[in-house]
Amino acid sequence: MSTLNNFPAHWRKAIDAEDISASIFADTKDAISFFVATNGCFIDLTDAQKGNVIALRDRYADESLEANMRRDNNKAQADSAPRFIGNISNAPPTLETLRPEIAGIEGELAKMRSAPASSSRRRPARDPAKRALHPTWEKFGAEHPGFFRSDEPPAAA
């Protein structure tokens, strides 16, 4: 578990301990940092480790609450900041903020309009059955199935 490898030794010991009563933190700030870190990787922990973290949250209820409040506060700050990722936006853009994007789109459209028509069109794909049977039809003088050249009479039935 790469996340746990980044934890200080006493945090890893607290997570893996069989008896959490021996787990201690350096100070309140250390305990809060521990709970903030374990909030981010809780789902990656084993069941026994999750149980230890929950027991530590019960033992250090004030520090755990402070960590949750910091997480919620950071999330609220991130949610209130303007962001434009794809079509996800939490604040409507203004015309001034969109002008560079509009100019870029208009430039791309102008390039497409000025491109030669032959380069922008693809040749329609041939039917694979016709492509496979074409040599056989030519061998027997047929232009397509059921028809012969106009100068040859159809075969008698």
N, C-alpha and C. Protein backbone atom coordinates (compact mmCIF):
# COMPACT_ATOMS: atom_id res chain seq x y z
N MET A 1 0.85 -1.17 0.00
CA MET A 1 0.00 0.00 0.00
C MET A 1 0.90 1.24 0.00
N SER A 2 1.03 1.89 -1.12
CA SER A 2 1.98 2.98 -1.27
C SER A 2 1.65 4.17 -0.37
N THR A 3 0.38 4.42 -0.10
CA THR A 3 0.00 5.54 0.76
C THR A 3 0.52 5.34 2.17
N LEU A 4 0.39 4.14 2.69
CA LEU A 4 0.86 3.87 4.05
C LEU A 4 2.38 3.96 4.14
N ASN A 5 3.07 3.67 3.06
CA ASN A 5 4.54 3.76 3.08
C ASN A 5 5.00 5.20 3.28
N ASN A 6 4.17 6.15 2.95
CA ASN A 6 4.51 7.56 3.12
C ASN A 6 4.20 8.07 4.53
N PHE A 7 3.53 7.27 5.32
CA PHE A 7 3.18 7.67 6.68
C PHE A 7 4.40 7.56 7.60
N PRO A 8 4.48 8.41 8.62
CA PRO A 8 5.54 8.25 9.62
C PRO A 8 5.40 6.89 10.32
N ALA A 9 6.49 6.43 10.91
CA ALA A 9 6.51 5.09 11.52
C ALA A 9 5.47 4.94 12.63
N HIS A 10 5.30 5.97 13.46
CA HIS A 10 4.35 5.83 14.56
C HIS A 10 2.90 5.80 14.07
N TRP A 11 2.61 6.39 12.90
CA TRP A 11 1.28 6.30 12.31
C TRP A 11 1.04 4.89 11.82
N ARG A 12 2.02 4.32 11.10
CA ARG A 12 1.88 2.95 10.60
C ARG A 12 1.71 1.98 11.78
N LYS A 13 2.45 2.22 12.85
CA LYS A 13 2.34 1.37 14.04
C LYS A 13 0.94 1.47 14.63
N ALA A 14 0.36 2.68 14.65
CA ALA A 14 -0.99 2.86 15.19
C ALA A 14 -2.03 2.17 14.32
N ILE A 15 -1.82 2.21 13.02
CA ILE A 15 -2.78 1.57 12.10
C ILE A 15 -2.70 0.05 12.19
N ASP A 16 -1.50 -0.48 12.34
CA ASP A 16 -1.30 -1.92 12.35
C ASP A 16 -1.32 -2.55 13.75
N ALA A 17 -1.42 -1.75 14.79
CA ALA A 17 -1.34 -2.27 16.17
C ALA A 17 -2.53 -3.15 16.49
N GLU A 18 -2.25 -4.19 17.29
CA GLU A 18 -3.34 -5.04 17.75
C GLU A 18 -4.05 -4.41 18.94
N ASP A 19 -3.31 -3.59 19.68
CA ASP A 19 -3.89 -2.91 20.85
C ASP A 19 -3.66 -1.40 20.67
N ILE A 20 -4.73 -0.67 20.37
CA ILE A 20 -4.58 0.76 20.08
C ILE A 20 -4.29 1.59 21.31
N SER A 21 -4.43 1.01 22.48
CA SER A 21 -4.16 1.80 23.69
C SER A 21 -2.69 2.18 23.77
N ALA A 22 -1.83 1.45 23.07
CA ALA A 22 -0.41 1.77 23.06
C ALA A 22 -0.09 2.85 22.03
N SER A 23 -1.06 3.18 21.17
CA SER A 23 -0.84 4.19 20.12
C SER A 23 -0.86 5.58 20.72
N ILE A 24 0.17 6.33 20.43
CA ILE A 24 0.21 7.72 20.90
C ILE A 24 0.66 8.61 19.76
N PHE A 25 0.24 9.85 19.81
CA PHE A 25 0.64 10.85 18.83
C PHE A 25 1.53 11.87 19.53
N ALA A 26 2.38 12.51 18.75
CA ALA A 26 3.33 13.47 19.32
C ALA A 26 2.61 14.63 20.00
N ASP A 27 1.57 15.13 19.34
CA ASP A 27 0.79 16.24 19.90
C ASP A 27 -0.55 16.29 19.18
N THR A 28 -1.34 17.27 19.50
CA THR A 28 -2.67 17.40 18.89
C THR A 28 -2.57 17.60 17.38
N LYS A 29 -1.60 18.41 16.96
CA LYS A 29 -1.42 18.67 15.53
C LYS A 29 -1.08 17.38 14.79
N ASP A 30 -0.27 16.53 15.40
CA ASP A 30 0.10 15.25 14.81
C ASP A 30 -1.13 14.35 14.66
N ALA A 31 -1.97 14.33 15.69
CA ALA A 31 -3.19 13.51 15.63
C ALA A 31 -4.14 14.01 14.55
N ILE A 32 -4.30 15.31 14.45
CA ILE A 32 -5.17 15.88 13.41
C ILE A 32 -4.64 15.54 12.03
N SER A 33 -3.32 15.66 11.85
CA SER A 33 -2.70 15.32 10.55
C SER A 33 -2.93 13.84 10.23
N PHE A 34 -2.85 12.98 11.23
CA PHE A 34 -3.09 11.55 11.04
C PHE A 34 -4.51 11.31 10.53
N PHE A 35 -5.49 11.95 11.14
CA PHE A 35 -6.87 11.73 10.74
C PHE A 35 -7.17 12.34 9.37
N VAL A 36 -6.54 13.45 9.06
CA VAL A 36 -6.70 14.02 7.71
C VAL A 36 -6.14 13.05 6.68
N ALA A 37 -4.96 12.48 6.96
CA ALA A 37 -4.34 11.55 6.02
C ALA A 37 -5.15 10.27 5.87
N THR A 38 -5.66 9.74 6.97
CA THR A 38 -6.43 8.50 6.87
C THR A 38 -7.80 8.72 6.24
N ASN A 39 -8.34 9.93 6.30
CA ASN A 39 -9.58 10.20 5.58
C ASN A 39 -9.38 10.01 4.09
N GLY A 40 -8.19 10.37 3.60
CA GLY A 40 -7.93 10.28 2.16
C GLY A 40 -7.67 8.88 1.66
N CYS A 41 -7.24 7.97 2.54
CA CYS A 41 -6.90 6.62 2.07
C CYS A 41 -7.67 5.54 2.80
N PHE A 42 -8.72 5.89 3.49
CA PHE A 42 -9.46 4.94 4.32
C PHE A 42 -9.93 3.73 3.52
N ILE A 43 -10.41 3.95 2.33
CA ILE A 43 -10.95 2.86 1.52
C ILE A 43 -9.88 1.86 1.11
N ASP A 44 -8.62 2.28 1.07
CA ASP A 44 -7.53 1.39 0.69
C ASP A 44 -7.03 0.52 1.84
N LEU A 45 -7.47 0.79 3.05
CA LEU A 45 -7.00 0.05 4.21
C LEU A 45 -7.68 -1.32 4.30
N THR A 46 -7.00 -2.25 4.97
CA THR A 46 -7.61 -3.56 5.22
C THR A 46 -8.69 -3.39 6.29
N ASP A 47 -9.49 -4.43 6.47
CA ASP A 47 -10.56 -4.35 7.47
C ASP A 47 -10.00 -4.14 8.88
N ALA A 48 -8.91 -4.83 9.20
CA ALA A 48 -8.31 -4.67 10.53
C ALA A 48 -7.79 -3.25 10.71
N GLN A 49 -7.17 -2.70 9.67
CA GLN A 49 -6.64 -1.33 9.75
C GLN A 49 -7.79 -0.33 9.87
N LYS A 50 -8.86 -0.56 9.13
CA LYS A 50 -10.04 0.32 9.25
C LYS A 50 -10.58 0.29 10.67
N GLY A 51 -10.64 -0.89 11.24
CA GLY A 51 -11.11 -1.00 12.62
C GLY A 51 -10.24 -0.22 13.58
N ASN A 52 -8.92 -0.26 13.37
CA ASN A 52 -8.00 0.49 14.23
C ASN A 52 -8.21 2.00 14.07
N VAL A 53 -8.38 2.44 12.83
CA VAL A 53 -8.58 3.87 12.60
C VAL A 53 -9.89 4.33 13.25
N ILE A 54 -10.93 3.52 13.13
CA ILE A 54 -12.21 3.88 13.76
C ILE A 54 -12.06 3.94 15.27
N ALA A 55 -11.34 2.97 15.83
CA ALA A 55 -11.13 2.98 17.29
C ALA A 55 -10.31 4.20 17.70
N LEU A 56 -9.33 4.57 16.89
CA LEU A 56 -8.54 5.77 17.19
C LEU A 56 -9.39 7.03 17.07
N ARG A 57 -10.31 7.04 16.13
CA ARG A 57 -11.22 8.19 16.02
C ARG A 57 -12.08 8.32 17.26
N ASP A 58 -12.49 7.18 17.80
CA ASP A 58 -13.27 7.22 19.04
C ASP A 58 -12.42 7.70 20.22
N ARG A 59 -11.19 7.22 20.27
CA ARG A 59 -10.30 7.58 21.38
C ARG A 59 -9.89 9.05 21.33
N TYR A 60 -9.65 9.55 20.09
CA TYR A 60 -9.24 10.95 19.89
C TYR A 60 -10.38 11.68 19.16
N ALA A 61 -11.52 11.75 19.79
CA ALA A 61 -12.73 12.29 19.14
C ALA A 61 -12.57 13.76 18.74
N ASP A 62 -11.95 14.58 19.59
CA ASP A 62 -11.80 16.01 19.28
C ASP A 62 -10.90 16.21 18.07
N GLU A 63 -9.79 15.49 18.03
CA GLU A 63 -8.86 15.63 16.92
C GLU A 63 -9.48 15.11 15.62
N SER A 64 -10.23 14.01 15.72
CA SER A 64 -10.91 13.46 14.55
C SER A 64 -11.96 14.45 14.02
N LEU A 65 -12.71 15.06 14.94
CA LEU A 65 -13.70 16.07 14.55
C LEU A 65 -13.03 17.26 13.86
N GLU A 66 -11.91 17.70 14.42
CA GLU A 66 -11.17 18.82 13.82
C GLU A 66 -10.70 18.46 12.41
N ALA A 67 -10.24 17.22 12.21
CA ALA A 67 -9.79 16.78 10.88
C ALA A 67 -10.96 16.78 9.90
N ASN A 68 -12.13 16.31 10.34
CA ASN A 68 -13.31 16.31 9.47
C ASN A 68 -13.74 17.73 9.13
N MET A 69 -13.67 18.63 10.12
CA MET A 69 -14.04 20.02 9.85
C MET A 69 -13.07 20.66 8.86
N ARG A 70 -11.78 20.37 9.00
CA ARG A 70 -10.79 20.90 8.03
C ARG A 70 -11.06 20.36 6.64
N ARG A 71 -11.37 19.06 6.54
CA ARG A 71 -11.67 18.48 5.24
C ARG A 71 -12.87 19.15 4.61
N ASP A 72 -13.94 19.32 5.41
CA ASP A 72 -15.15 19.95 4.90
C ASP A 72 -14.89 21.40 4.51
N ASN A 73 -14.09 22.11 5.30
CA ASN A 73 -13.77 23.50 5.00
C ASN A 73 -12.96 23.60 3.70
N ASN A 74 -11.98 22.71 3.54
CA ASN A 74 -11.19 22.71 2.31
C ASN A 74 -12.05 22.38 1.10
N LYS A 75 -12.99 21.46 1.27
CA LYS A 75 -13.89 21.11 0.17
C LYS A 75 -14.78 22.29 -0.20
N ALA A 76 -15.28 23.00 0.82
CA ALA A 76 -16.14 24.16 0.56
C ALA A 76 -15.36 25.26 -0.15
N GLN A 77 -14.11 25.46 0.24
CA GLN A 77 -13.29 26.47 -0.43
C GLN A 77 -13.04 26.07 -1.88
N ALA A 78 -12.78 24.80 -2.12
CA ALA A 78 -12.54 24.34 -3.48
C ALA A 78 -13.80 24.45 -4.33
N ASP A 79 -14.96 24.15 -3.74
CA ASP A 79 -16.22 24.22 -4.48
C ASP A 79 -16.60 25.65 -4.82
N SER A 80 -16.18 26.62 -4.00
CA SER A 80 -16.57 28.01 -4.26
C SER A 80 -15.62 28.71 -5.22
N ALA A 81 -14.46 28.12 -5.49
CA ALA A 81 -13.50 28.74 -6.41
C ALA A 81 -13.98 28.54 -7.84
N PRO A 82 -13.78 29.54 -8.71
CA PRO A 82 -14.20 29.36 -10.10
C PRO A 82 -13.36 28.30 -10.78
N ARG A 83 -14.01 27.45 -11.54
CA ARG A 83 -13.29 26.42 -12.28
C ARG A 83 -14.02 26.17 -13.59
N PHE A 84 -13.27 25.91 -14.60
CA PHE A 84 -13.82 25.62 -15.91
C PHE A 84 -13.08 24.39 -16.44
N ILE A 85 -13.67 23.24 -16.27
CA ILE A 85 -13.08 21.99 -16.74
C ILE A 85 -14.10 21.37 -17.67
N GLY A 86 -13.79 21.36 -18.95
CA GLY A 86 -14.75 20.83 -19.91
C GLY A 86 -16.04 21.60 -19.82
N ASN A 87 -17.13 20.89 -19.64
CA ASN A 87 -18.42 21.57 -19.52
C ASN A 87 -18.87 21.66 -18.07
N ILE A 88 -17.95 21.35 -17.12
CA ILE A 88 -18.29 21.45 -15.70
C ILE A 88 -17.83 22.81 -15.20
N SER A 89 -18.75 23.57 -14.72
CA SER A 89 -18.42 24.91 -14.25
C SER A 89 -19.33 25.23 -13.08
N ASN A 90 -18.76 25.87 -12.07
CA ASN A 90 -19.61 26.24 -10.94
C ASN A 90 -19.94 27.73 -10.94
N ALA A 91 -19.43 28.45 -11.90
CA ALA A 91 -19.77 29.87 -12.04
C ALA A 91 -19.96 30.13 -13.53
N PRO A 92 -21.02 30.82 -13.91
CA PRO A 92 -21.23 31.05 -15.34
C PRO A 92 -20.13 31.96 -15.90
N PRO A 93 -19.54 31.58 -17.03
CA PRO A 93 -18.49 32.40 -17.62
C PRO A 93 -19.07 33.67 -18.22
N THR A 94 -18.26 34.70 -18.25
CA THR A 94 -18.67 35.96 -18.88
C THR A 94 -18.16 35.96 -20.31
N LEU A 95 -18.67 36.88 -21.09
CA LEU A 95 -18.24 36.99 -22.48
C LEU A 95 -16.75 37.30 -22.57
N GLU A 96 -16.25 38.11 -21.66
CA GLU A 96 -14.83 38.46 -21.65
C GLU A 96 -13.95 37.24 -21.40
N THR A 97 -14.38 36.34 -20.50
CA THR A 97 -13.56 35.16 -20.23
C THR A 97 -13.64 34.16 -21.38
N LEU A 98 -14.70 34.23 -22.19
CA LEU A 98 -14.86 33.29 -23.29
C LEU A 98 -14.29 33.79 -24.61
N ARG A 99 -13.95 35.08 -24.71
CA ARG A 99 -13.46 35.62 -25.99
C ARG A 99 -12.27 34.86 -26.56
N PRO A 100 -11.23 34.52 -25.78
CA PRO A 100 -10.12 33.76 -26.36
C PRO A 100 -10.55 32.39 -26.89
N GLU A 101 -11.45 31.74 -26.20
CA GLU A 101 -11.92 30.44 -26.66
C GLU A 101 -12.74 30.58 -27.94
N ILE A 102 -13.57 31.62 -28.00
CA ILE A 102 -14.37 31.86 -29.20
C ILE A 102 -13.46 32.15 -30.39
N ALA A 103 -12.42 32.96 -30.17
CA ALA A 103 -11.48 33.27 -31.26
C ALA A 103 -10.78 32.00 -31.73
N GLY A 104 -10.41 31.11 -30.81
CA GLY A 104 -9.77 29.86 -31.19
C GLY A 104 -10.70 28.97 -32.01
N ILE A 105 -11.95 28.89 -31.63
CA ILE A 105 -12.92 28.09 -32.37
C ILE A 105 -13.15 28.68 -33.76
N GLU A 106 -13.26 30.01 -33.84
CA GLU A 106 -13.45 30.65 -35.15
C GLU A 106 -12.24 30.40 -36.05
N GLY A 107 -11.04 30.40 -35.47
CA GLY A 107 -9.84 30.10 -36.26
C GLY A 107 -9.86 28.69 -36.80
N GLU A 108 -10.27 27.74 -35.98
CA GLU A 108 -10.35 26.34 -36.43
C GLU A 108 -11.40 26.19 -37.54
N LEU A 109 -12.54 26.87 -37.39
CA LEU A 109 -13.57 26.82 -38.43
C LEU A 109 -13.06 27.42 -39.74
N ALA A 110 -12.30 28.50 -39.66
CA ALA A 110 -11.75 29.12 -40.86
C ALA A 110 -10.79 28.17 -41.56
N LYS A 111 -9.98 27.46 -40.81
CA LYS A 111 -9.07 26.47 -41.40
C LYS A 111 -9.85 25.37 -42.11
N MET A 112 -10.95 24.94 -41.50
CA MET A 112 -11.76 23.88 -42.10
C MET A 112 -12.42 24.36 -43.39
N ARG A 113 -12.87 25.61 -43.39
CA ARG A 113 -13.52 26.15 -44.58
C ARG A 113 -12.54 26.32 -45.73
N SER A 114 -11.28 26.66 -45.42
CA SER A 114 -10.30 26.90 -46.47
C SER A 114 -9.63 25.64 -46.97
N ALA A 115 -9.82 24.50 -46.30
CA ALA A 115 -9.21 23.24 -46.72
C ALA A 115 -9.88 22.76 -47.99
N PRO A 116 -9.11 22.16 -48.90
CA PRO A 116 -9.71 21.64 -50.14
C PRO A 116 -10.75 20.56 -49.84
N ALA A 117 -11.80 20.55 -50.64
CA ALA A 117 -12.90 19.62 -50.40
C ALA A 117 -12.46 18.18 -50.54
N SER A 118 -11.53 17.90 -51.45
CA SER A 118 -11.15 16.50 -51.68
C SER A 118 -10.42 15.91 -50.47
N SER A 119 -9.67 16.73 -49.74
CA SER A 119 -8.94 16.20 -48.60
C SER A 119 -9.86 15.95 -47.42
N SER A 120 -10.98 16.66 -47.37
CA SER A 120 -11.87 16.50 -46.22
C SER A 120 -12.89 15.38 -46.44
N ARG A 121 -13.01 14.88 -47.67
CA ARG A 121 -13.98 13.83 -47.95
C ARG A 121 -13.27 12.49 -48.05
N ARG A 122 -13.87 11.52 -47.46
CA ARG A 122 -13.33 10.17 -47.55
C ARG A 122 -14.06 9.41 -48.64
N ARG A 123 -13.36 8.54 -49.29
CA ARG A 123 -13.96 7.69 -50.29
C ARG A 123 -14.89 6.71 -49.59
N PRO A 124 -16.10 6.53 -50.08
CA PRO A 124 -17.01 5.60 -49.41
C PRO A 124 -16.43 4.18 -49.43
N ALA A 125 -16.58 3.50 -48.33
CA ALA A 125 -16.06 2.14 -48.23
C ALA A 125 -16.86 1.21 -49.13
N ARG A 126 -16.16 0.29 -49.81
CA ARG A 126 -16.84 -0.67 -50.66
C ARG A 126 -17.37 -1.80 -49.80
N ASP A 127 -18.45 -2.36 -50.27
CA ASP A 127 -19.03 -3.50 -49.59
C ASP A 127 -18.04 -4.66 -49.66
N PRO A 128 -17.68 -5.28 -48.53
CA PRO A 128 -16.70 -6.36 -48.54
C PRO A 128 -17.13 -7.55 -49.41
N ALA A 129 -18.43 -7.81 -49.47
CA ALA A 129 -18.91 -8.92 -50.30
C ALA A 129 -18.66 -8.62 -51.77
N LYS A 130 -18.94 -7.38 -52.20
CA LYS A 130 -18.71 -7.02 -53.59
C LYS A 130 -17.23 -7.04 -53.92
N ARG A 131 -16.40 -6.58 -52.97
CA ARG A 131 -14.96 -6.57 -53.20
C ARG A 131 -14.44 -8.00 -53.34
N ALA A 132 -14.97 -8.93 -52.58
CA ALA A 132 -14.53 -10.32 -52.65
C ALA A 132 -15.03 -11.01 -53.90
N LEU A 133 -16.25 -10.70 -54.34
CA LEU A 133 -16.84 -11.37 -55.49
C LEU A 133 -16.51 -10.72 -56.82
N HIS A 134 -16.00 -9.49 -56.81
CA HIS A 134 -15.72 -8.77 -58.05
C HIS A 134 -14.81 -9.55 -59.01
N PRO A 135 -13.70 -10.16 -58.57
CA PRO A 135 -12.87 -10.94 -59.51
C PRO A 135 -13.63 -12.10 -60.15
N THR A 136 -14.52 -12.72 -59.39
CA THR A 136 -15.30 -13.84 -59.94
C THR A 136 -16.27 -13.34 -60.97
N TRP A 137 -16.92 -12.22 -60.70
CA TRP A 137 -17.87 -11.66 -61.67
C TRP A 137 -17.16 -11.29 -62.96
N GLU A 138 -15.97 -10.70 -62.83
CA GLU A 138 -15.22 -10.33 -64.03
C GLU A 138 -14.82 -11.56 -64.82
N LYS A 139 -14.47 -12.63 -64.13
CA LYS A 139 -14.06 -13.87 -64.79
C LYS A 139 -15.19 -14.42 -65.64
N PHE A 140 -16.41 -14.30 -65.16
CA PHE A 140 -17.55 -14.81 -65.90
C PHE A 140 -18.22 -13.74 -66.74
N GLY A 141 -17.64 -12.55 -66.77
CA GLY A 141 -18.16 -11.49 -67.61
C GLY A 141 -19.37 -10.79 -67.05
N ALA A 142 -19.61 -10.90 -65.79
CA ALA A 142 -20.77 -10.25 -65.19
C ALA A 142 -20.36 -8.90 -64.63
N GLU A 143 -21.23 -7.91 -64.81
CA GLU A 143 -20.98 -6.60 -64.23
C GLU A 143 -21.37 -6.62 -62.76
N HIS A 144 -22.41 -7.30 -62.43
CA HIS A 144 -22.84 -7.50 -61.06
C HIS A 144 -23.74 -8.71 -61.04
N PRO A 145 -24.07 -9.24 -59.91
CA PRO A 145 -24.82 -10.51 -59.85
C PRO A 145 -26.14 -10.43 -60.63
N GLY A 146 -26.35 -11.46 -61.45
CA GLY A 146 -27.61 -11.57 -62.18
C GLY A 146 -27.61 -10.86 -63.52
N PHE A 147 -26.54 -10.13 -63.87
CA PHE A 147 -26.49 -9.42 -65.14
C PHE A 147 -25.23 -9.80 -65.89
N PHE A 148 -25.35 -9.92 -67.20
CA PHE A 148 -24.20 -10.20 -68.06
C PHE A 148 -24.00 -9.00 -68.95
N ARG A 149 -22.89 -9.03 -69.68
CA ARG A 149 -22.65 -7.93 -70.61
C ARG A 149 -23.79 -7.86 -71.61
N SER A 150 -24.02 -6.67 -72.09
CA SER A 150 -25.16 -6.47 -72.97
C SER A 150 -24.98 -7.17 -74.33
N ASP A 151 -23.73 -7.46 -74.72
CA ASP A 151 -23.54 -8.10 -76.02
C ASP A 151 -23.67 -9.62 -75.93
N GLU A 152 -23.83 -10.19 -74.75
CA GLU A 152 -23.99 -11.63 -74.60
C GLU A 152 -25.42 -11.92 -74.16
N PRO A 153 -26.03 -12.91 -74.76
CA PRO A 153 -27.39 -13.27 -74.31
C PRO A 153 -27.32 -13.99 -72.97
N PRO A 154 -28.34 -13.86 -72.17
CA PRO A 154 -28.35 -14.59 -70.91
C PRO A 154 -28.43 -16.09 -71.16
N ALA A 155 -27.90 -16.83 -70.25
CA ALA A 155 -27.90 -18.29 -70.40
C ALA A 155 -29.32 -18.81 -70.29
N ALA A 156 -29.61 -19.86 -71.07
CA ALA A 156 -30.95 -20.44 -71.06
C ALA A 156 -31.16 -21.22 -69.77
N ALA A 157 -32.33 -21.10 -69.27
CA ALA A 157 -32.63 -21.78 -68.01
C ALA A 157 -33.03 -23.19 -68.20
